[in-house]
Amino acid sequence: MTTLPRPLIQSLEMLAATAEALELRNDWIVFGGAAMALSGLPDWPVPDIDVLASEETANALIDAFGGRILTPPAADRFRSRLLARIDGTPVPIEIMVGLEVKTDDGWAPVNFRTRVDRPVQDRHIPTARTAEQAAMARRFGRPKDLQRAEALDKLTD
């Protein structure tokens, strides 16, 4: 397994342990930089852990961690029905419900169809398969996402 920064490992362990203790359904997934690091790209900065979840699961995690609901920024490239931040972990966690990305055809929901449980110490963190992460990064379309997609293309699950 790839060596990850200790603060990231600690935060992911806290997230997985809390989800397990709350007996949350499998309706949450880690994406973005943290998922990419778990998939084998440890050299990319991970300023926060992005989690896409159902509203019920998001609220349970927000309550458990004492997170705060944020006013989502003005919708330019992304928007979500709910955005929350948990700062009580070494690496902050951002939870999103109903995330959408702006495309040429309008707003499109962000959904992951694949799921891989990535090991973190004695826990598991759900992410999408590497190929789907690369496809989503291309869909996000920012320069950093396109660079990530290119790097992800070189990996396999």
N, C-alpha and C. Protein backbone atom coordinates (compact mmCIF):
# COMPACT_ATOMS: atom_id res chain seq x y z
N MET A 1 0.83 -1.19 0.00
CA MET A 1 0.00 0.00 0.00
C MET A 1 0.88 1.25 0.00
N THR A 2 0.42 2.27 -0.60
CA THR A 2 1.10 3.55 -0.68
C THR A 2 1.18 4.18 0.71
N THR A 3 2.30 4.83 1.00
CA THR A 3 2.44 5.52 2.27
C THR A 3 1.73 6.86 2.19
N LEU A 4 0.80 7.06 3.09
CA LEU A 4 0.03 8.31 3.15
C LEU A 4 0.50 9.14 4.35
N PRO A 5 0.32 10.44 4.30
CA PRO A 5 0.67 11.28 5.45
C PRO A 5 -0.13 10.86 6.69
N ARG A 6 0.55 10.86 7.83
CA ARG A 6 -0.10 10.43 9.08
C ARG A 6 -1.40 11.19 9.37
N PRO A 7 -1.47 12.52 9.22
CA PRO A 7 -2.74 13.21 9.49
C PRO A 7 -3.89 12.72 8.60
N LEU A 8 -3.58 12.39 7.35
CA LEU A 8 -4.61 11.87 6.46
C LEU A 8 -5.08 10.50 6.92
N ILE A 9 -4.14 9.64 7.29
CA ILE A 9 -4.50 8.32 7.80
C ILE A 9 -5.38 8.45 9.04
N GLN A 10 -4.98 9.31 9.97
CA GLN A 10 -5.76 9.49 11.20
C GLN A 10 -7.18 9.95 10.90
N SER A 11 -7.31 10.90 10.01
CA SER A 11 -8.65 11.42 9.67
C SER A 11 -9.50 10.37 8.99
N LEU A 12 -8.91 9.62 8.07
CA LEU A 12 -9.66 8.56 7.39
C LEU A 12 -10.08 7.47 8.38
N GLU A 13 -9.18 7.13 9.31
CA GLU A 13 -9.54 6.15 10.35
C GLU A 13 -10.70 6.66 11.19
N MET A 14 -10.66 7.93 11.57
CA MET A 14 -11.75 8.51 12.37
C MET A 14 -13.07 8.46 11.60
N LEU A 15 -13.02 8.79 10.32
CA LEU A 15 -14.22 8.76 9.48
C LEU A 15 -14.77 7.34 9.38
N ALA A 16 -13.91 6.37 9.09
CA ALA A 16 -14.35 4.98 8.95
C ALA A 16 -14.88 4.43 10.27
N ALA A 17 -14.20 4.72 11.37
CA ALA A 17 -14.63 4.23 12.68
C ALA A 17 -15.99 4.82 13.06
N THR A 18 -16.19 6.08 12.78
CA THR A 18 -17.46 6.73 13.09
C THR A 18 -18.58 6.16 12.24
N ALA A 19 -18.33 5.99 10.96
CA ALA A 19 -19.34 5.40 10.07
C ALA A 19 -19.71 3.99 10.53
N GLU A 20 -18.70 3.24 10.96
CA GLU A 20 -18.94 1.88 11.46
C GLU A 20 -19.74 1.91 12.76
N ALA A 21 -19.35 2.77 13.69
CA ALA A 21 -20.04 2.86 14.98
C ALA A 21 -21.49 3.29 14.80
N LEU A 22 -21.75 4.15 13.82
CA LEU A 22 -23.12 4.62 13.57
C LEU A 22 -23.91 3.64 12.70
N GLU A 23 -23.23 2.57 12.28
CA GLU A 23 -23.85 1.57 11.40
C GLU A 23 -24.46 2.22 10.16
N LEU A 24 -23.69 3.10 9.56
CA LEU A 24 -24.16 3.80 8.36
C LEU A 24 -24.20 2.85 7.19
N ARG A 25 -25.17 3.08 6.34
CA ARG A 25 -25.29 2.27 5.13
C ARG A 25 -24.13 2.61 4.21
N ASN A 26 -24.02 1.85 3.16
CA ASN A 26 -22.98 2.09 2.17
C ASN A 26 -23.41 3.17 1.19
N ASP A 27 -23.86 4.29 1.70
CA ASP A 27 -24.31 5.38 0.83
C ASP A 27 -23.44 6.62 0.99
N TRP A 28 -22.16 6.38 1.25
CA TRP A 28 -21.19 7.46 1.30
C TRP A 28 -19.92 6.97 0.61
N ILE A 29 -19.19 7.91 0.04
CA ILE A 29 -17.98 7.56 -0.68
C ILE A 29 -17.01 8.74 -0.61
N VAL A 30 -15.74 8.43 -0.48
CA VAL A 30 -14.69 9.44 -0.48
C VAL A 30 -14.26 9.65 -1.93
N PHE A 31 -14.11 10.92 -2.32
CA PHE A 31 -13.68 11.21 -3.69
C PHE A 31 -12.66 12.34 -3.66
N GLY A 32 -12.23 12.80 -4.81
CA GLY A 32 -11.27 13.89 -4.87
C GLY A 32 -9.87 13.45 -4.47
N GLY A 33 -9.11 14.39 -3.93
CA GLY A 33 -7.71 14.14 -3.61
C GLY A 33 -7.46 12.98 -2.66
N ALA A 34 -8.30 12.82 -1.64
CA ALA A 34 -8.11 11.72 -0.69
C ALA A 34 -8.31 10.37 -1.38
N ALA A 35 -9.33 10.27 -2.23
CA ALA A 35 -9.56 9.01 -2.96
C ALA A 35 -8.39 8.72 -3.89
N MET A 36 -7.87 9.76 -4.50
CA MET A 36 -6.74 9.57 -5.41
C MET A 36 -5.50 9.12 -4.65
N ALA A 37 -5.28 9.69 -3.47
CA ALA A 37 -4.15 9.26 -2.64
C ALA A 37 -4.31 7.80 -2.24
N LEU A 38 -5.52 7.42 -1.85
CA LEU A 38 -5.78 6.03 -1.48
C LEU A 38 -5.61 5.08 -2.65
N SER A 39 -5.80 5.59 -3.86
CA SER A 39 -5.70 4.77 -5.06
C SER A 39 -4.27 4.65 -5.58
N GLY A 40 -3.35 5.41 -4.99
CA GLY A 40 -1.96 5.29 -5.39
C GLY A 40 -1.29 6.56 -5.85
N LEU A 41 -1.90 7.71 -5.61
CA LEU A 41 -1.29 9.01 -5.96
C LEU A 41 -1.01 9.80 -4.68
N PRO A 42 -0.05 9.36 -3.87
CA PRO A 42 0.18 10.01 -2.57
C PRO A 42 0.83 11.38 -2.66
N ASP A 43 1.39 11.75 -3.81
CA ASP A 43 2.12 13.01 -3.90
C ASP A 43 1.23 14.21 -4.19
N TRP A 44 -0.08 13.99 -4.39
CA TRP A 44 -1.00 15.09 -4.61
C TRP A 44 -1.41 15.66 -3.26
N PRO A 45 -1.47 16.98 -3.13
CA PRO A 45 -1.90 17.55 -1.85
C PRO A 45 -3.35 17.19 -1.54
N VAL A 46 -3.61 16.92 -0.27
CA VAL A 46 -4.97 16.59 0.18
C VAL A 46 -5.32 17.57 1.31
N PRO A 47 -5.84 18.76 0.96
CA PRO A 47 -6.15 19.75 1.99
C PRO A 47 -7.40 19.39 2.79
N ASP A 48 -8.25 18.55 2.22
CA ASP A 48 -9.45 18.09 2.93
C ASP A 48 -9.90 16.77 2.32
N ILE A 49 -10.79 16.10 3.03
CA ILE A 49 -11.34 14.82 2.58
C ILE A 49 -12.76 15.09 2.10
N ASP A 50 -13.00 14.85 0.81
CA ASP A 50 -14.32 15.07 0.23
C ASP A 50 -15.15 13.80 0.36
N VAL A 51 -16.36 13.95 0.90
CA VAL A 51 -17.28 12.83 1.08
C VAL A 51 -18.60 13.18 0.41
N LEU A 52 -19.07 12.29 -0.43
CA LEU A 52 -20.39 12.41 -1.04
C LEU A 52 -21.28 11.42 -0.32
N ALA A 53 -22.42 11.89 0.19
CA ALA A 53 -23.27 11.03 1.02
C ALA A 53 -24.74 11.35 0.81
N SER A 54 -25.57 10.42 1.28
CA SER A 54 -27.01 10.69 1.33
C SER A 54 -27.24 11.73 2.42
N GLU A 55 -28.39 12.35 2.41
CA GLU A 55 -28.68 13.36 3.42
C GLU A 55 -28.70 12.76 4.82
N GLU A 56 -29.28 11.58 4.96
CA GLU A 56 -29.35 10.92 6.27
C GLU A 56 -27.94 10.63 6.81
N THR A 57 -27.10 10.07 5.97
CA THR A 57 -25.73 9.75 6.39
C THR A 57 -24.94 11.02 6.67
N ALA A 58 -25.09 12.03 5.82
CA ALA A 58 -24.39 13.30 6.04
C ALA A 58 -24.76 13.89 7.39
N ASN A 59 -26.05 13.93 7.70
CA ASN A 59 -26.49 14.49 8.97
C ASN A 59 -25.95 13.70 10.15
N ALA A 60 -25.90 12.37 10.03
CA ALA A 60 -25.36 11.55 11.11
C ALA A 60 -23.87 11.85 11.33
N LEU A 61 -23.12 11.98 10.25
CA LEU A 61 -21.69 12.30 10.38
C LEU A 61 -21.48 13.71 10.93
N ILE A 62 -22.26 14.65 10.45
CA ILE A 62 -22.15 16.04 10.93
C ILE A 62 -22.43 16.09 12.43
N ASP A 63 -23.47 15.41 12.87
CA ASP A 63 -23.80 15.38 14.30
C ASP A 63 -22.70 14.70 15.11
N ALA A 64 -22.21 13.57 14.63
CA ALA A 64 -21.21 12.81 15.37
C ALA A 64 -19.91 13.59 15.54
N PHE A 65 -19.51 14.33 14.53
CA PHE A 65 -18.25 15.07 14.57
C PHE A 65 -18.42 16.52 15.02
N GLY A 66 -19.65 16.98 15.21
CA GLY A 66 -19.86 18.38 15.54
C GLY A 66 -19.50 19.29 14.37
N GLY A 67 -19.79 18.82 13.17
CA GLY A 67 -19.50 19.61 11.98
C GLY A 67 -20.44 20.79 11.84
N ARG A 68 -20.14 21.63 10.88
CA ARG A 68 -21.00 22.80 10.67
C ARG A 68 -21.44 22.85 9.22
N ILE A 69 -22.69 23.24 9.04
CA ILE A 69 -23.26 23.42 7.71
C ILE A 69 -22.71 24.74 7.16
N LEU A 70 -22.26 24.71 5.94
CA LEU A 70 -21.73 25.91 5.29
C LEU A 70 -22.71 26.41 4.24
N THR A 71 -22.64 27.67 3.98
CA THR A 71 -23.38 28.21 2.84
C THR A 71 -22.54 27.91 1.62
N PRO A 72 -23.06 27.09 0.70
CA PRO A 72 -22.25 26.77 -0.47
C PRO A 72 -21.88 28.03 -1.24
N PRO A 73 -20.68 28.05 -1.80
CA PRO A 73 -20.29 29.22 -2.59
C PRO A 73 -21.20 29.37 -3.80
N ALA A 74 -21.19 30.53 -4.39
CA ALA A 74 -22.00 30.76 -5.59
C ALA A 74 -21.67 29.69 -6.62
N ALA A 75 -22.71 29.13 -7.20
CA ALA A 75 -22.54 28.03 -8.14
C ALA A 75 -21.87 28.52 -9.42
N ASP A 76 -20.64 28.10 -9.60
CA ASP A 76 -19.92 28.42 -10.81
C ASP A 76 -19.69 27.12 -11.57
N ARG A 77 -18.92 26.24 -10.97
CA ARG A 77 -18.60 24.94 -11.59
C ARG A 77 -19.28 23.80 -10.85
N PHE A 78 -19.49 23.97 -9.53
CA PHE A 78 -20.09 22.93 -8.70
C PHE A 78 -21.17 23.54 -7.82
N ARG A 79 -22.11 22.71 -7.43
CA ARG A 79 -23.10 23.12 -6.43
C ARG A 79 -23.59 21.87 -5.72
N SER A 80 -24.08 22.06 -4.50
CA SER A 80 -24.63 20.94 -3.74
C SER A 80 -25.78 21.44 -2.88
N ARG A 81 -26.68 20.50 -2.57
CA ARG A 81 -27.82 20.85 -1.71
C ARG A 81 -27.36 21.12 -0.29
N LEU A 82 -26.35 20.38 0.14
CA LEU A 82 -25.83 20.53 1.50
C LEU A 82 -24.31 20.44 1.43
N LEU A 83 -23.66 21.33 2.13
CA LEU A 83 -22.21 21.32 2.25
C LEU A 83 -21.89 21.53 3.73
N ALA A 84 -21.09 20.63 4.27
CA ALA A 84 -20.71 20.74 5.68
C ALA A 84 -19.22 20.51 5.82
N ARG A 85 -18.67 21.04 6.90
CA ARG A 85 -17.23 20.90 7.15
C ARG A 85 -17.02 20.43 8.58
N ILE A 86 -16.12 19.47 8.70
CA ILE A 86 -15.72 18.94 9.99
C ILE A 86 -14.26 19.33 10.19
N ASP A 87 -14.01 20.16 11.20
CA ASP A 87 -12.65 20.63 11.46
C ASP A 87 -11.99 19.93 12.63
N GLY A 88 -12.68 19.01 13.29
CA GLY A 88 -12.13 18.34 14.46
C GLY A 88 -11.29 17.13 14.14
N THR A 89 -10.84 17.01 12.90
CA THR A 89 -9.96 15.91 12.48
C THR A 89 -8.66 16.53 11.98
N PRO A 90 -7.56 15.78 12.01
CA PRO A 90 -6.29 16.36 11.55
C PRO A 90 -6.36 16.95 10.14
N VAL A 91 -7.04 16.27 9.24
CA VAL A 91 -7.33 16.80 7.91
C VAL A 91 -8.84 17.04 7.88
N PRO A 92 -9.28 18.25 7.62
CA PRO A 92 -10.73 18.53 7.63
C PRO A 92 -11.49 17.64 6.65
N ILE A 93 -12.75 17.41 6.96
CA ILE A 93 -13.64 16.59 6.12
C ILE A 93 -14.75 17.49 5.61
N GLU A 94 -14.99 17.45 4.31
CA GLU A 94 -16.12 18.17 3.72
C GLU A 94 -17.12 17.16 3.21
N ILE A 95 -18.36 17.32 3.65
CA ILE A 95 -19.43 16.40 3.28
C ILE A 95 -20.40 17.12 2.36
N MET A 96 -20.73 16.46 1.27
CA MET A 96 -21.64 17.03 0.29
C MET A 96 -22.81 16.10 0.03
N VAL A 97 -23.98 16.70 -0.16
CA VAL A 97 -25.19 15.98 -0.54
C VAL A 97 -25.69 16.63 -1.82
N GLY A 98 -26.04 15.80 -2.80
CA GLY A 98 -26.59 16.34 -4.04
C GLY A 98 -25.61 17.16 -4.84
N LEU A 99 -24.36 16.73 -4.89
CA LEU A 99 -23.34 17.46 -5.64
C LEU A 99 -23.64 17.39 -7.13
N GLU A 100 -23.50 18.54 -7.79
CA GLU A 100 -23.69 18.62 -9.23
C GLU A 100 -22.52 19.37 -9.85
N VAL A 101 -22.22 19.04 -11.10
CA VAL A 101 -21.17 19.71 -11.86
C VAL A 101 -21.82 20.33 -13.09
N LYS A 102 -21.35 21.52 -13.43
CA LYS A 102 -21.89 22.21 -14.60
C LYS A 102 -21.23 21.65 -15.86
N THR A 103 -22.05 21.28 -16.82
CA THR A 103 -21.56 20.76 -18.09
C THR A 103 -22.10 21.63 -19.22
N ASP A 104 -21.72 21.32 -20.43
CA ASP A 104 -22.25 22.06 -21.58
C ASP A 104 -23.76 21.92 -21.70
N ASP A 105 -24.29 20.82 -21.16
CA ASP A 105 -25.74 20.56 -21.23
C ASP A 105 -26.48 21.02 -19.99
N GLY A 106 -25.82 21.71 -19.07
CA GLY A 106 -26.46 22.16 -17.83
C GLY A 106 -25.87 21.43 -16.64
N TRP A 107 -26.60 21.43 -15.54
CA TRP A 107 -26.14 20.80 -14.30
C TRP A 107 -26.37 19.30 -14.36
N ALA A 108 -25.36 18.53 -13.95
CA ALA A 108 -25.45 17.07 -13.95
C ALA A 108 -25.04 16.54 -12.58
N PRO A 109 -25.78 15.55 -12.06
CA PRO A 109 -25.43 15.01 -10.75
C PRO A 109 -24.10 14.26 -10.77
N VAL A 110 -23.40 14.34 -9.66
CA VAL A 110 -22.17 13.59 -9.48
C VAL A 110 -22.53 12.32 -8.73
N ASN A 111 -22.42 11.20 -9.41
CA ASN A 111 -22.69 9.89 -8.83
C ASN A 111 -21.56 8.96 -9.22
N PHE A 112 -21.17 8.12 -8.31
CA PHE A 112 -20.15 7.12 -8.60
C PHE A 112 -20.83 5.75 -8.68
N ARG A 113 -20.54 5.02 -9.74
CA ARG A 113 -21.20 3.72 -9.98
C ARG A 113 -20.37 2.55 -9.47
N THR A 114 -19.08 2.79 -9.29
CA THR A 114 -18.22 1.71 -8.81
C THR A 114 -17.81 2.00 -7.37
N ARG A 115 -17.36 0.97 -6.69
CA ARG A 115 -16.98 1.12 -5.29
C ARG A 115 -15.88 0.11 -4.97
N VAL A 116 -14.82 0.63 -4.38
CA VAL A 116 -13.72 -0.20 -3.92
C VAL A 116 -13.44 0.21 -2.48
N ASP A 117 -13.34 -0.76 -1.60
CA ASP A 117 -12.99 -0.45 -0.21
C ASP A 117 -11.47 -0.45 -0.09
N ARG A 118 -10.90 0.71 0.13
CA ARG A 118 -9.45 0.88 0.22
C ARG A 118 -9.01 0.72 1.68
N PRO A 119 -8.00 -0.10 1.95
CA PRO A 119 -7.55 -0.30 3.33
C PRO A 119 -6.81 0.92 3.88
N VAL A 120 -7.16 1.25 5.11
CA VAL A 120 -6.45 2.28 5.88
C VAL A 120 -6.30 1.71 7.28
N GLN A 121 -5.08 1.28 7.59
CA GLN A 121 -4.82 0.58 8.84
C GLN A 121 -5.75 -0.63 8.91
N ASP A 122 -6.59 -0.72 9.94
CA ASP A 122 -7.50 -1.88 10.04
C ASP A 122 -8.92 -1.53 9.62
N ARG A 123 -9.09 -0.45 8.90
CA ARG A 123 -10.41 -0.01 8.43
C ARG A 123 -10.42 0.03 6.91
N HIS A 124 -11.60 0.34 6.37
CA HIS A 124 -11.74 0.46 4.92
C HIS A 124 -12.48 1.75 4.58
N ILE A 125 -12.03 2.39 3.52
CA ILE A 125 -12.64 3.64 3.04
C ILE A 125 -13.16 3.39 1.63
N PRO A 126 -14.44 3.66 1.39
CA PRO A 126 -14.98 3.46 0.04
C PRO A 126 -14.58 4.59 -0.91
N THR A 127 -14.08 4.20 -2.08
CA THR A 127 -13.80 5.14 -3.16
C THR A 127 -14.34 4.51 -4.45
N ALA A 128 -14.37 5.29 -5.50
CA ALA A 128 -14.69 4.73 -6.81
C ALA A 128 -13.44 4.05 -7.37
N ARG A 129 -13.63 3.19 -8.35
CA ARG A 129 -12.50 2.59 -9.04
C ARG A 129 -11.68 3.70 -9.71
N THR A 130 -10.42 3.43 -9.92
CA THR A 130 -9.50 4.43 -10.46
C THR A 130 -9.98 4.98 -11.81
N ALA A 131 -10.45 4.11 -12.70
CA ALA A 131 -10.91 4.57 -14.02
C ALA A 131 -12.08 5.53 -13.88
N GLU A 132 -12.99 5.26 -12.95
CA GLU A 132 -14.13 6.16 -12.77
C GLU A 132 -13.68 7.48 -12.13
N GLN A 133 -12.71 7.42 -11.23
CA GLN A 133 -12.17 8.66 -10.67
C GLN A 133 -11.56 9.52 -11.77
N ALA A 134 -10.83 8.89 -12.69
CA ALA A 134 -10.22 9.63 -13.80
C ALA A 134 -11.30 10.26 -14.69
N ALA A 135 -12.34 9.49 -14.99
CA ALA A 135 -13.43 10.01 -15.82
C ALA A 135 -14.12 11.19 -15.13
N MET A 136 -14.33 11.09 -13.82
CA MET A 136 -14.99 12.18 -13.09
C MET A 136 -14.08 13.41 -13.05
N ALA A 137 -12.79 13.20 -12.88
CA ALA A 137 -11.85 14.33 -12.88
C ALA A 137 -11.91 15.07 -14.22
N ARG A 138 -12.00 14.31 -15.31
CA ARG A 138 -12.13 14.96 -16.63
C ARG A 138 -13.44 15.74 -16.70
N ARG A 139 -14.48 15.17 -16.16
CA ARG A 139 -15.79 15.83 -16.17
C ARG A 139 -15.74 17.13 -15.36
N PHE A 140 -15.00 17.14 -14.25
CA PHE A 140 -14.86 18.35 -13.45
C PHE A 140 -14.14 19.43 -14.25
N GLY A 141 -13.16 19.04 -15.05
CA GLY A 141 -12.59 19.91 -16.07
C GLY A 141 -11.62 21.00 -15.68
N ARG A 142 -11.35 21.17 -14.39
CA ARG A 142 -10.38 22.20 -14.01
C ARG A 142 -8.97 21.70 -14.36
N PRO A 143 -8.01 22.60 -14.55
CA PRO A 143 -6.65 22.15 -14.89
C PRO A 143 -6.11 21.11 -13.91
N LYS A 144 -6.30 21.31 -12.60
CA LYS A 144 -5.78 20.33 -11.64
C LYS A 144 -6.49 18.99 -11.79
N ASP A 145 -7.77 19.00 -12.14
CA ASP A 145 -8.51 17.75 -12.34
C ASP A 145 -8.00 17.00 -13.56
N LEU A 146 -7.70 17.73 -14.62
CA LEU A 146 -7.19 17.10 -15.85
C LEU A 146 -5.81 16.49 -15.61
N GLN A 147 -4.98 17.15 -14.79
CA GLN A 147 -3.68 16.58 -14.43
C GLN A 147 -3.87 15.31 -13.60
N ARG A 148 -4.81 15.34 -12.68
CA ARG A 148 -5.09 14.17 -11.85
C ARG A 148 -5.59 13.02 -12.71
N ALA A 149 -6.47 13.31 -13.67
CA ALA A 149 -7.01 12.27 -14.55
C ALA A 149 -5.88 11.58 -15.31
N GLU A 150 -4.95 12.37 -15.81
CA GLU A 150 -3.82 11.81 -16.54
C GLU A 150 -2.99 10.89 -15.65
N ALA A 151 -2.76 11.30 -14.41
CA ALA A 151 -2.00 10.47 -13.47
C ALA A 151 -2.78 9.21 -13.10
N LEU A 152 -4.09 9.34 -12.89
CA LEU A 152 -4.93 8.18 -12.55
C LEU A 152 -4.97 7.17 -13.68
N ASP A 153 -4.90 7.63 -14.92
CA ASP A 153 -4.93 6.73 -16.07
C ASP A 153 -3.79 5.72 -16.04
N LYS A 154 -2.73 6.04 -15.33
CA LYS A 154 -1.56 5.15 -15.27
C LYS A 154 -1.69 4.09 -14.18
N LEU A 155 -2.75 4.17 -13.38
CA LEU A 155 -2.95 3.23 -12.28
C LEU A 155 -4.03 2.21 -12.62
N THR A 156 -4.02 1.10 -11.90
CA THR A 156 -5.10 0.12 -12.00
C THR A 156 -5.52 -0.26 -10.60
N ASP A 157 -6.74 -0.75 -10.48
CA ASP A 157 -7.23 -1.20 -9.17
C ASP A 157 -6.77 -2.62 -8.91
